[in-house]
Amino acid sequence: MPRSRGGTFPRIGNLEDSSLVARKIGRTEASIFAAPALIAAHGMSLLPSDLTTYPLIGEQIAPGESQTWTLHHAAQDPVKVEFKPRMCANSVRAISEAIEAGIGIGRLPTVIGRRMVAEGTAIQILPG
């Protein structure tokens, strides 16, 4: 089981039909990450359209529903990738631990993913 990092991880996604209160505290850049073992087993994605051939981790609790990532690159128009997730979570901690466990490729705040890359527990997919 992946080790705990300690600290606070924000929740992500919509709070539809919830008694919780959400407050926007800022914006962050997000990037896509995977475990080195997952990439070793499946190869490295070179194009956004390749992502749908991998197990992906969704960011909303919506079993069976398609989700969409909009990928941005400074030199290209945004690209939408629609997929049915293998797993869904609305917690950055849950997504980061699922990535480390090799469950699938997931999107995280870039600062958290880069820390995982520095620790050797993740690889950034489609950097830039």
C-alpha atoms as a PDB file:
ATOM      1  CA  MET A   1       0.000   0.000   0.000  1.00  0.00           C
ATOM      2  CA  PRO A   2       1.377   3.479  -0.842  1.00  0.00           C
ATOM      3  CA  ARG A   3       2.732   5.394   2.097  1.00  0.00           C
ATOM      4  CA  SER A   4       0.947   8.434   3.464  1.00  0.00           C
ATOM      5  CA  ARG A   5       2.487  11.787   2.688  1.00  0.00           C
ATOM      6  CA  GLY A   6       0.913  13.630   5.589  1.00  0.00           C
ATOM      7  CA  GLY A   7      -0.403  17.139   5.145  1.00  0.00           C
ATOM      8  CA  THR A   8      -3.680  18.268   3.681  1.00  0.00           C
ATOM      9  CA  PHE A   9      -4.863  17.323   0.215  1.00  0.00           C
ATOM     10  CA  PRO A  10      -7.697  19.342  -1.280  1.00  0.00           C
ATOM     11  CA  ARG A  11     -10.827  17.766  -2.700  1.00  0.00           C
ATOM     12  CA  ILE A  12     -11.536  18.239  -6.359  1.00  0.00           C
ATOM     13  CA  GLY A  13     -14.643  18.078  -8.496  1.00  0.00           C
ATOM     14  CA  ASN A  14     -18.235  19.225  -8.173  1.00  0.00           C
ATOM     15  CA  LEU A  15     -20.286  19.041  -4.975  1.00  0.00           C
ATOM     16  CA  GLU A  16     -23.644  18.347  -6.531  1.00  0.00           C
ATOM     17  CA  ASP A  17     -26.404  17.367  -4.079  1.00  0.00           C
ATOM     18  CA  SER A  18     -24.128  17.799  -1.087  1.00  0.00           C
ATOM     19  CA  SER A  19     -24.424  19.478   2.294  1.00  0.00           C
ATOM     20  CA  LEU A  20     -20.731  20.394   2.087  1.00  0.00           C
ATOM     21  CA  VAL A  21     -19.674  23.975   1.414  1.00  0.00           C
ATOM     22  CA  ALA A  22     -17.098  24.615  -1.295  1.00  0.00           C
ATOM     23  CA  ARG A  23     -14.873  27.666  -1.469  1.00  0.00           C
ATOM     24  CA  LYS A  24     -12.508  28.399  -4.307  1.00  0.00           C
ATOM     25  CA  ILE A  25      -9.113  29.083  -2.763  1.00  0.00           C
ATOM     26  CA  GLY A  26      -7.127  29.452  -5.944  1.00  0.00           C
ATOM     27  CA  ARG A  27      -6.162  27.930  -9.251  1.00  0.00           C
ATOM     28  CA  THR A  28      -3.467  25.438 -10.005  1.00  0.00           C
ATOM     29  CA  GLU A  29      -2.031  23.876 -13.117  1.00  0.00           C
ATOM     30  CA  ALA A  30      -2.789  20.186 -13.540  1.00  0.00           C
ATOM     31  CA  SER A  31      -0.767  17.566 -15.401  1.00  0.00           C
ATOM     32  CA  ILE A  32      -1.112  13.859 -16.133  1.00  0.00           C
ATOM     33  CA  PHE A  33       0.922  11.226 -14.265  1.00  0.00           C
ATOM     34  CA  ALA A  34       1.378   7.451 -14.161  1.00  0.00           C
ATOM     35  CA  ALA A  35       3.372   4.917 -12.186  1.00  0.00           C
ATOM     36  CA  PRO A  36       6.657   3.834 -13.800  1.00  0.00           C
ATOM     37  CA  ALA A  37       5.476   0.186 -13.698  1.00  0.00           C
ATOM     38  CA  LEU A  38       2.294   1.055 -15.621  1.00  0.00           C
ATOM     39  CA  ILE A  39       4.313   2.797 -18.334  1.00  0.00           C
ATOM     40  CA  ALA A  40       6.779  -0.106 -18.452  1.00  0.00           C
ATOM     41  CA  ALA A  41       3.868  -2.504 -19.026  1.00  0.00           C
ATOM     42  CA  HIS A  42       1.904  -0.380 -21.532  1.00  0.00           C
ATOM     43  CA  GLY A  43       4.476   1.951 -23.116  1.00  0.00           C
ATOM     44  CA  MET A  44       4.527   5.760 -23.113  1.00  0.00           C
ATOM     45  CA  SER A  45       1.715   7.798 -24.657  1.00  0.00           C
ATOM     46  CA  LEU A  46       2.893  10.280 -27.259  1.00  0.00           C
ATOM     47  CA  LEU A  47      -0.443  11.802 -28.319  1.00  0.00           C
ATOM     48  CA  PRO A  48      -3.486  12.904 -26.304  1.00  0.00           C
ATOM     49  CA  SER A  49      -5.660  10.516 -28.342  1.00  0.00           C
ATOM     50  CA  ASP A  50      -3.501   7.604 -27.095  1.00  0.00           C
ATOM     51  CA  LEU A  51      -4.677   8.179 -23.514  1.00  0.00           C
ATOM     52  CA  THR A  52      -7.945   6.319 -24.080  1.00  0.00           C
ATOM     53  CA  THR A  53      -5.988   3.086 -24.611  1.00  0.00           C
ATOM     54  CA  TYR A  54      -4.809   3.202 -20.958  1.00  0.00           C
ATOM     55  CA  PRO A  55      -6.702   2.700 -17.697  1.00  0.00           C
ATOM     56  CA  LEU A  56      -7.601   6.233 -16.563  1.00  0.00           C
ATOM     57  CA  ILE A  57      -8.575   7.639 -13.179  1.00  0.00           C
ATOM     58  CA  GLY A  58     -11.521  10.034 -13.186  1.00  0.00           C
ATOM     59  CA  GLU A  59     -11.945  13.003 -10.897  1.00  0.00           C
ATOM     60  CA  GLN A  60     -15.654  12.761 -10.214  1.00  0.00           C
ATOM     61  CA  ILE A  61     -17.722  10.122  -8.527  1.00  0.00           C
ATOM     62  CA  ALA A  62     -19.827   9.148 -11.527  1.00  0.00           C
ATOM     63  CA  PRO A  63     -19.788   5.370 -11.982  1.00  0.00           C
ATOM     64  CA  GLY A  64     -20.206   4.322 -15.588  1.00  0.00           C
ATOM     65  CA  GLU A  65     -20.313   7.873 -16.942  1.00  0.00           C
ATOM     66  CA  SER A  66     -17.831   9.309 -19.416  1.00  0.00           C
ATOM     67  CA  GLN A  67     -15.551  12.100 -18.291  1.00  0.00           C
ATOM     68  CA  THR A  68     -13.550  14.614 -20.284  1.00  0.00           C
ATOM     69  CA  TRP A  69     -10.105  16.063 -19.781  1.00  0.00           C
ATOM     70  CA  THR A  70      -9.321  19.229 -21.727  1.00  0.00           C
ATOM     71  CA  LEU A  71      -5.597  19.335 -22.420  1.00  0.00           C
ATOM     72  CA  HIS A  72      -3.899  22.654 -23.140  1.00  0.00           C
ATOM     73  CA  HIS A  73      -0.622  23.333 -24.908  1.00  0.00           C
ATOM     74  CA  ALA A  74       0.793  26.764 -25.683  1.00  0.00           C
ATOM     75  CA  ALA A  75       1.430  25.915 -29.350  1.00  0.00           C
ATOM     76  CA  GLN A  76      -1.837  24.059 -30.073  1.00  0.00           C
ATOM     77  CA  ASP A  77      -5.582  24.367 -29.659  1.00  0.00           C
ATOM     78  CA  PRO A  78      -7.038  22.613 -26.597  1.00  0.00           C
ATOM     79  CA  VAL A  79      -7.693  18.887 -27.079  1.00  0.00           C
ATOM     80  CA  LYS A  80     -10.582  17.096 -25.373  1.00  0.00           C
ATOM     81  CA  VAL A  81     -10.105  13.478 -24.309  1.00  0.00           C
ATOM     82  CA  GLU A  82     -13.351  11.707 -23.432  1.00  0.00           C
ATOM     83  CA  PHE A  83     -13.044   8.449 -21.478  1.00  0.00           C
ATOM     84  CA  LYS A  84     -14.754   5.992 -19.154  1.00  0.00           C
ATOM     85  CA  PRO A  85     -12.606   5.879 -16.024  1.00  0.00           C
ATOM     86  CA  ARG A  86     -11.360   2.668 -14.481  1.00  0.00           C
ATOM     87  CA  MET A  87     -11.667   4.349 -11.091  1.00  0.00           C
ATOM     88  CA  CYS A  88     -13.063   7.666  -9.842  1.00  0.00           C
ATOM     89  CA  ALA A  89     -12.102   9.762  -6.814  1.00  0.00           C
ATOM     90  CA  ASN A  90     -12.691  13.330  -5.702  1.00  0.00           C
ATOM     91  CA  SER A  91      -9.611  13.487  -3.489  1.00  0.00           C
ATOM     92  CA  VAL A  92      -6.123  14.406  -4.671  1.00  0.00           C
ATOM     93  CA  ARG A  93      -4.719  11.985  -2.097  1.00  0.00           C
ATOM     94  CA  ALA A  94      -6.812   9.079  -3.415  1.00  0.00           C
ATOM     95  CA  ILE A  95      -5.841   9.842  -7.010  1.00  0.00           C
ATOM     96  CA  SER A  96      -2.134  10.173  -6.182  1.00  0.00           C
ATOM     97  CA  GLU A  97      -2.151   6.877  -4.245  1.00  0.00           C
ATOM     98  CA  ALA A  98      -4.005   5.133  -7.095  1.00  0.00           C
ATOM     99  CA  ILE A  99      -1.412   6.434  -9.559  1.00  0.00           C
ATOM    100  CA  GLU A 100       1.442   5.183  -7.374  1.00  0.00           C
ATOM    101  CA  ALA A 101      -0.274   1.786  -7.063  1.00  0.00           C
ATOM    102  CA  GLY A 102      -0.393   1.497 -10.865  1.00  0.00           C
ATOM    103  CA  ILE A 103      -4.199   1.492 -11.039  1.00  0.00           C
ATOM    104  CA  GLY A 104      -4.193   3.992 -13.881  1.00  0.00           C
ATOM    105  CA  ILE A 105      -3.121   7.315 -15.300  1.00  0.00           C
ATOM    106  CA  GLY A 106      -4.510  10.325 -13.464  1.00  0.00           C
ATOM    107  CA  ARG A 107      -4.549  14.102 -13.456  1.00  0.00           C
ATOM    108  CA  LEU A 108      -3.116  15.907 -10.441  1.00  0.00           C
ATOM    109  CA  PRO A 109      -2.034  19.406  -9.504  1.00  0.00           C
ATOM    110  CA  THR A 110       1.354  19.686 -11.194  1.00  0.00           C
ATOM    111  CA  VAL A 111       3.163  20.584  -7.968  1.00  0.00           C
ATOM    112  CA  ILE A 112       2.024  17.327  -6.316  1.00  0.00           C
ATOM    113  CA  GLY A 113       2.790  15.220  -9.384  1.00  0.00           C
ATOM    114  CA  ARG A 114       6.257  16.719  -9.760  1.00  0.00           C
ATOM    115  CA  ARG A 115       7.007  15.808  -6.142  1.00  0.00           C
ATOM    116  CA  MET A 116       6.006  12.219  -6.979  1.00  0.00           C
ATOM    117  CA  VAL A 117       8.286  12.323 -10.050  1.00  0.00           C
ATOM    118  CA  ALA A 118      11.168  13.533  -7.865  1.00  0.00           C
ATOM    119  CA  GLU A 119      10.491  10.640  -5.465  1.00  0.00           C
ATOM    120  CA  GLY A 120      10.490   8.163  -8.365  1.00  0.00           C
ATOM    121  CA  THR A 121       6.875   7.069  -7.815  1.00  0.00           C
ATOM    122  CA  ALA A 122       5.425   8.672 -10.971  1.00  0.00           C
ATOM    123  CA  ILE A 123       6.223   9.772 -14.508  1.00  0.00           C
ATOM    124  CA  GLN A 124       4.667  12.836 -16.130  1.00  0.00           C
ATOM    125  CA  ILE A 125       2.695  11.963 -19.260  1.00  0.00           C
ATOM    126  CA  LEU A 126       2.515  14.447 -22.157  1.00  0.00           C
ATOM    127  CA  PRO A 127       4.601  17.131 -20.398  1.00  0.00           C
ATOM    128  CA  GLY A 128       3.911  20.642 -21.612  1.00  0.00           C
END
